[in-house]
N, C-alpha and C. Protein backbone atom coordinates (compact mmCIF):
# COMPACT_ATOMS: atom_id res chain seq x y z
N UNK A 1 51.72 206.56 153.02
CA UNK A 1 52.56 206.47 151.84
C UNK A 1 51.80 205.89 150.65
N UNK A 2 51.14 204.76 150.83
CA UNK A 2 50.40 204.15 149.72
C UNK A 2 49.08 204.89 149.54
N UNK A 3 48.83 205.40 148.33
CA UNK A 3 47.58 206.12 148.10
C UNK A 3 46.37 205.20 148.20
N UNK A 4 45.21 205.80 148.43
CA UNK A 4 43.99 205.02 148.58
C UNK A 4 43.64 204.27 147.30
N UNK A 5 43.87 204.92 146.17
CA UNK A 5 43.58 204.30 144.88
C UNK A 5 44.87 204.15 144.09
N UNK A 6 45.08 202.95 143.56
CA UNK A 6 46.25 202.66 142.75
C UNK A 6 45.81 202.61 141.30
N UNK A 7 46.49 203.35 140.44
CA UNK A 7 46.15 203.39 139.02
C UNK A 7 47.07 202.47 138.25
N UNK A 8 46.50 201.39 137.74
CA UNK A 8 47.24 200.46 136.90
C UNK A 8 46.90 200.72 135.45
N UNK A 9 47.86 200.49 134.57
CA UNK A 9 47.58 200.67 133.15
C UNK A 9 46.62 199.58 132.69
N UNK A 10 45.93 199.85 131.62
CA UNK A 10 45.01 198.86 131.06
C UNK A 10 45.77 197.61 130.66
N UNK A 11 46.97 197.78 130.12
CA UNK A 11 47.79 196.64 129.72
C UNK A 11 48.11 195.76 130.94
N UNK A 12 48.49 196.38 132.04
CA UNK A 12 48.79 195.63 133.27
C UNK A 12 47.54 194.92 133.77
N UNK A 13 46.41 195.62 133.79
CA UNK A 13 45.17 195.01 134.26
C UNK A 13 44.78 193.83 133.37
N UNK A 14 44.94 193.97 132.06
CA UNK A 14 44.63 192.88 131.14
C UNK A 14 45.53 191.67 131.40
N UNK A 15 46.80 191.93 131.69
CA UNK A 15 47.72 190.82 132.00
C UNK A 15 47.33 190.14 133.31
N UNK A 16 46.90 190.92 134.30
CA UNK A 16 46.44 190.33 135.56
C UNK A 16 45.21 189.45 135.34
N UNK A 17 44.29 189.93 134.54
CA UNK A 17 43.09 189.15 134.25
C UNK A 17 43.41 187.90 133.45
N UNK A 18 44.36 188.00 132.53
CA UNK A 18 44.78 186.83 131.76
C UNK A 18 45.39 185.79 132.70
N UNK A 19 46.23 186.24 133.62
CA UNK A 19 46.83 185.33 134.60
C UNK A 19 45.75 184.71 135.48
N UNK A 20 44.70 185.48 135.76
CA UNK A 20 43.60 184.95 136.56
C UNK A 20 42.94 183.77 135.84
N UNK A 21 42.74 183.89 134.54
CA UNK A 21 42.11 182.79 133.80
C UNK A 21 43.00 181.56 133.79
N UNK A 22 44.30 181.76 133.83
CA UNK A 22 45.25 180.65 133.81
C UNK A 22 45.37 179.96 135.18
N UNK A 23 45.34 180.77 136.25
CA UNK A 23 45.67 180.23 137.58
C UNK A 23 44.48 180.15 138.53
N UNK A 24 43.41 180.87 138.20
CA UNK A 24 42.25 181.01 139.07
C UNK A 24 42.53 181.78 140.36
N UNK A 25 43.65 182.50 140.37
CA UNK A 25 43.94 183.41 141.47
C UNK A 25 43.41 184.78 141.10
N UNK A 26 42.99 185.56 142.09
CA UNK A 26 42.45 186.88 141.81
C UNK A 26 43.57 187.84 141.40
N UNK A 27 43.24 188.88 140.63
CA UNK A 27 44.26 189.84 140.20
C UNK A 27 45.04 190.47 141.35
N UNK A 28 44.39 190.73 142.48
CA UNK A 28 45.12 191.34 143.59
C UNK A 28 46.17 190.39 144.17
N UNK A 29 45.87 189.10 144.23
CA UNK A 29 46.84 188.12 144.72
C UNK A 29 48.00 188.01 143.73
N UNK A 30 47.69 187.99 142.45
CA UNK A 30 48.73 187.92 141.43
C UNK A 30 49.61 189.16 141.48
N UNK A 31 48.99 190.33 141.67
CA UNK A 31 49.76 191.57 141.76
C UNK A 31 50.67 191.56 142.99
N UNK A 32 50.19 191.05 144.11
CA UNK A 32 51.04 190.94 145.31
C UNK A 32 52.23 190.03 145.04
N UNK A 33 51.99 188.92 144.38
CA UNK A 33 53.08 188.01 144.04
C UNK A 33 54.07 188.70 143.09
N UNK A 34 53.55 189.44 142.13
CA UNK A 34 54.40 190.14 141.17
C UNK A 34 55.29 191.16 141.89
N UNK A 35 54.71 191.92 142.80
CA UNK A 35 55.50 192.89 143.57
C UNK A 35 56.58 192.18 144.36
N UNK A 36 56.22 191.09 145.01
CA UNK A 36 57.18 190.33 145.81
C UNK A 36 58.33 189.80 144.96
N UNK A 37 58.00 189.26 143.78
CA UNK A 37 59.04 188.75 142.88
C UNK A 37 59.96 189.87 142.42
N UNK A 38 59.38 191.01 142.08
CA UNK A 38 60.18 192.14 141.63
C UNK A 38 61.09 192.64 142.76
N UNK A 39 60.57 192.72 143.96
CA UNK A 39 61.38 193.19 145.09
C UNK A 39 62.48 192.19 145.43
N UNK A 40 62.20 190.92 145.29
CA UNK A 40 63.18 189.88 145.62
C UNK A 40 64.33 189.86 144.63
N UNK A 41 64.03 190.03 143.36
CA UNK A 41 65.03 189.81 142.32
C UNK A 41 65.65 191.08 141.75
N UNK A 42 65.18 192.21 142.16
CA UNK A 42 65.66 193.44 141.52
C UNK A 42 67.02 193.86 142.07
N UNK A 43 67.91 194.22 141.17
CA UNK A 43 69.21 194.71 141.57
C UNK A 43 69.35 196.19 141.21
N UNK A 44 68.79 196.55 140.11
CA UNK A 44 68.78 197.95 139.69
C UNK A 44 67.35 198.35 139.39
N UNK A 45 66.91 199.38 140.04
CA UNK A 45 65.53 199.82 139.88
C UNK A 45 65.34 200.47 138.52
N UNK A 46 64.26 200.10 137.86
CA UNK A 46 63.87 200.73 136.60
C UNK A 46 62.41 201.14 136.76
N UNK A 47 62.21 202.38 137.16
CA UNK A 47 60.87 202.89 137.41
C UNK A 47 60.37 203.59 136.16
N UNK A 48 59.26 203.11 135.64
CA UNK A 48 58.63 203.71 134.48
C UNK A 48 57.74 204.85 134.97
N UNK A 49 58.13 206.07 134.68
CA UNK A 49 57.39 207.23 135.18
C UNK A 49 56.38 207.76 134.18
N UNK A 50 56.23 207.09 133.05
CA UNK A 50 55.22 207.55 132.09
C UNK A 50 53.83 207.18 132.60
N UNK A 51 52.92 208.09 132.43
CA UNK A 51 51.55 207.89 132.90
C UNK A 51 50.73 207.16 131.85
N UNK A 52 50.03 206.10 132.23
CA UNK A 52 49.21 205.38 131.25
C UNK A 52 48.02 206.22 130.82
N UNK A 53 47.65 206.07 129.55
CA UNK A 53 46.50 206.81 129.03
C UNK A 53 45.20 206.23 129.57
N UNK A 54 45.10 204.92 129.56
CA UNK A 54 43.90 204.25 130.05
C UNK A 54 44.28 203.54 131.34
N UNK A 55 43.53 203.82 132.38
CA UNK A 55 43.88 203.24 133.68
C UNK A 55 42.74 202.41 134.24
N UNK A 56 43.12 201.47 135.05
CA UNK A 56 42.18 200.70 135.86
C UNK A 56 42.53 201.02 137.30
N UNK A 57 41.56 201.49 138.05
CA UNK A 57 41.80 201.89 139.44
C UNK A 57 41.44 200.74 140.37
N UNK A 58 42.33 200.47 141.30
CA UNK A 58 42.09 199.45 142.30
C UNK A 58 42.41 200.06 143.67
N UNK A 59 41.53 199.84 144.63
CA UNK A 59 41.75 200.38 145.97
C UNK A 59 42.90 199.65 146.65
N UNK A 60 43.64 200.38 147.46
CA UNK A 60 44.77 199.77 148.14
C UNK A 60 44.33 198.64 149.07
N UNK A 61 43.11 198.77 149.66
CA UNK A 61 42.60 197.71 150.53
C UNK A 61 42.41 196.41 149.77
N UNK A 62 42.00 196.51 148.51
CA UNK A 62 41.81 195.32 147.68
C UNK A 62 43.16 194.79 147.23
N UNK A 63 44.04 195.69 146.79
CA UNK A 63 45.33 195.27 146.27
C UNK A 63 46.20 194.61 147.34
N UNK A 64 46.26 195.22 148.52
CA UNK A 64 47.18 194.73 149.55
C UNK A 64 46.50 194.00 150.70
N UNK A 65 45.17 194.12 150.81
CA UNK A 65 44.46 193.43 151.88
C UNK A 65 44.97 193.83 153.25
N UNK A 66 45.00 192.88 154.16
CA UNK A 66 45.45 193.19 155.52
C UNK A 66 46.97 193.21 155.63
N UNK A 67 47.66 193.04 154.52
CA UNK A 67 49.12 193.09 154.49
C UNK A 67 49.65 194.45 154.02
N UNK A 68 48.79 195.45 154.01
CA UNK A 68 49.17 196.77 153.51
C UNK A 68 50.42 197.33 154.20
N UNK A 69 50.49 197.23 155.51
CA UNK A 69 51.63 197.78 156.26
C UNK A 69 52.92 197.04 155.92
N UNK A 70 52.82 195.75 155.66
CA UNK A 70 54.00 194.96 155.27
C UNK A 70 54.52 195.46 153.93
N UNK A 71 53.62 195.62 152.97
CA UNK A 71 54.03 196.09 151.65
C UNK A 71 54.55 197.52 151.72
N UNK A 72 53.96 198.33 152.56
CA UNK A 72 54.45 199.70 152.72
C UNK A 72 55.88 199.70 153.25
N UNK A 73 56.16 198.85 154.22
CA UNK A 73 57.52 198.75 154.75
C UNK A 73 58.50 198.25 153.68
N UNK A 74 58.07 197.26 152.91
CA UNK A 74 58.92 196.75 151.84
C UNK A 74 59.19 197.82 150.78
N UNK A 75 58.17 198.60 150.45
CA UNK A 75 58.34 199.67 149.47
C UNK A 75 59.27 200.75 150.00
N UNK A 76 59.13 201.10 151.26
CA UNK A 76 60.03 202.11 151.87
C UNK A 76 61.48 201.63 151.84
N UNK A 77 61.69 200.37 152.22
CA UNK A 77 63.03 199.81 152.22
C UNK A 77 63.60 199.79 150.81
N UNK A 78 62.80 199.36 149.84
CA UNK A 78 63.21 199.32 148.45
C UNK A 78 63.64 200.71 147.97
N UNK A 79 62.81 201.71 148.25
CA UNK A 79 63.12 203.08 147.82
C UNK A 79 64.40 203.60 148.47
N UNK A 80 64.57 203.30 149.75
CA UNK A 80 65.77 203.74 150.46
C UNK A 80 67.02 203.06 149.90
N UNK A 81 66.96 201.76 149.70
CA UNK A 81 68.12 201.01 149.20
C UNK A 81 68.48 201.41 147.77
N UNK A 82 67.47 201.68 146.95
CA UNK A 82 67.70 202.00 145.54
C UNK A 82 67.87 203.50 145.31
N UNK A 83 67.65 204.31 146.34
CA UNK A 83 67.75 205.75 146.18
C UNK A 83 66.68 206.32 145.26
N UNK A 84 65.49 205.80 145.38
CA UNK A 84 64.38 206.20 144.50
C UNK A 84 63.53 207.25 145.19
N UNK A 85 63.24 208.29 144.44
CA UNK A 85 62.37 209.35 144.94
C UNK A 85 61.27 209.63 143.91
N UNK A 86 60.68 208.58 143.39
CA UNK A 86 59.63 208.71 142.38
C UNK A 86 58.25 208.65 143.04
N UNK A 87 57.25 208.93 142.25
CA UNK A 87 55.86 208.84 142.69
C UNK A 87 55.55 207.40 143.05
N UNK A 88 54.90 207.17 144.17
CA UNK A 88 54.61 205.81 144.64
C UNK A 88 53.73 205.05 143.64
N UNK A 89 52.85 205.75 142.94
CA UNK A 89 52.03 205.11 141.90
C UNK A 89 52.94 204.48 140.84
N UNK A 90 53.95 205.25 140.40
CA UNK A 90 54.88 204.77 139.37
C UNK A 90 55.68 203.58 139.88
N UNK A 91 56.07 203.63 141.14
CA UNK A 91 56.86 202.55 141.73
C UNK A 91 56.04 201.26 141.78
N UNK A 92 54.83 201.36 142.31
CA UNK A 92 53.97 200.17 142.41
C UNK A 92 53.68 199.61 141.03
N UNK A 93 53.32 200.48 140.10
CA UNK A 93 53.01 200.04 138.74
C UNK A 93 54.22 199.35 138.10
N UNK A 94 55.41 199.92 138.29
CA UNK A 94 56.63 199.35 137.71
C UNK A 94 56.97 198.00 138.34
N UNK A 95 56.80 197.88 139.65
CA UNK A 95 57.08 196.61 140.32
C UNK A 95 56.12 195.52 139.86
N UNK A 96 54.85 195.87 139.73
CA UNK A 96 53.87 194.88 139.24
C UNK A 96 54.23 194.46 137.82
N UNK A 97 54.56 195.41 136.96
CA UNK A 97 54.92 195.08 135.58
C UNK A 97 56.17 194.20 135.54
N UNK A 98 57.16 194.52 136.35
CA UNK A 98 58.39 193.73 136.38
C UNK A 98 58.11 192.31 136.87
N UNK A 99 57.32 192.20 137.92
CA UNK A 99 56.97 190.88 138.45
C UNK A 99 56.14 190.07 137.47
N UNK A 100 55.21 190.72 136.78
CA UNK A 100 54.40 190.01 135.77
C UNK A 100 55.28 189.49 134.64
N UNK A 101 56.30 190.26 134.30
CA UNK A 101 57.24 189.81 133.27
C UNK A 101 57.94 188.53 133.73
N UNK A 102 58.32 188.48 135.00
CA UNK A 102 58.97 187.29 135.56
C UNK A 102 58.02 186.10 135.61
N UNK A 103 56.73 186.38 135.63
CA UNK A 103 55.72 185.33 135.69
C UNK A 103 55.22 184.93 134.31
N UNK A 104 55.85 185.41 133.27
CA UNK A 104 55.37 185.20 131.90
C UNK A 104 55.25 183.75 131.47
N UNK A 105 56.02 182.85 132.06
CA UNK A 105 55.98 181.45 131.67
C UNK A 105 54.83 180.66 132.30
N UNK A 106 54.11 181.28 133.21
CA UNK A 106 53.06 180.57 133.96
C UNK A 106 51.90 180.21 133.05
N UNK A 107 51.59 178.93 133.00
CA UNK A 107 50.46 178.45 132.21
C UNK A 107 49.31 177.97 133.09
N UNK A 108 49.65 177.62 134.35
CA UNK A 108 48.63 177.17 135.29
C UNK A 108 49.14 177.36 136.71
N UNK A 109 48.31 177.04 137.67
CA UNK A 109 48.66 177.26 139.08
C UNK A 109 49.91 176.48 139.49
N UNK A 110 50.08 175.29 138.98
CA UNK A 110 51.25 174.48 139.34
C UNK A 110 52.56 175.13 138.92
N UNK A 111 52.54 175.89 137.84
CA UNK A 111 53.75 176.58 137.38
C UNK A 111 54.22 177.62 138.38
N UNK A 112 53.34 178.07 139.24
CA UNK A 112 53.70 179.10 140.21
C UNK A 112 54.54 178.56 141.36
N UNK A 113 54.58 177.26 141.53
CA UNK A 113 55.35 176.71 142.64
C UNK A 113 56.83 177.01 142.52
N UNK A 114 57.32 177.25 141.30
CA UNK A 114 58.73 177.57 141.13
C UNK A 114 59.11 178.88 141.84
N UNK A 115 58.13 179.74 142.08
CA UNK A 115 58.40 180.99 142.78
C UNK A 115 58.62 180.78 144.27
N UNK A 116 58.17 179.63 144.77
CA UNK A 116 58.21 179.38 146.20
C UNK A 116 59.23 178.32 146.60
N UNK A 117 59.92 177.74 145.63
CA UNK A 117 60.93 176.74 145.96
C UNK A 117 62.24 177.43 146.26
N UNK A 118 63.03 176.82 147.06
CA UNK A 118 64.31 177.37 147.45
C UNK A 118 65.33 177.03 146.37
N UNK A 119 65.88 178.05 145.75
CA UNK A 119 66.83 177.86 144.64
C UNK A 119 68.28 177.95 145.11
N UNK A 120 68.54 177.58 146.32
CA UNK A 120 69.92 177.67 146.84
C UNK A 120 70.69 176.44 146.46
């Protein structure tokens, strides 16, 4: 299901690199967190199907590491629950963008702890 190469927009890649300078986490870790945040908080799927003009390609092995099968299962469940039949590239790109938007307030690594605290 997940293609070998994931095409991220230049804007998304620039945001990942900016977050890297703030947190010292690698872009692939930040992208994984962004996907997780988007999957956790999303109620209505908004998949951006427009193709970026300038892309940055990242291999799925780098993006997902040894957790690829876990993310694939999460993506399948998300698509089934939301009734989405879009291109997987568009879905991954949209989830990363949505998660990065949720991470917009992060100024340093300590700010990320709010994503892991129990808000019950």
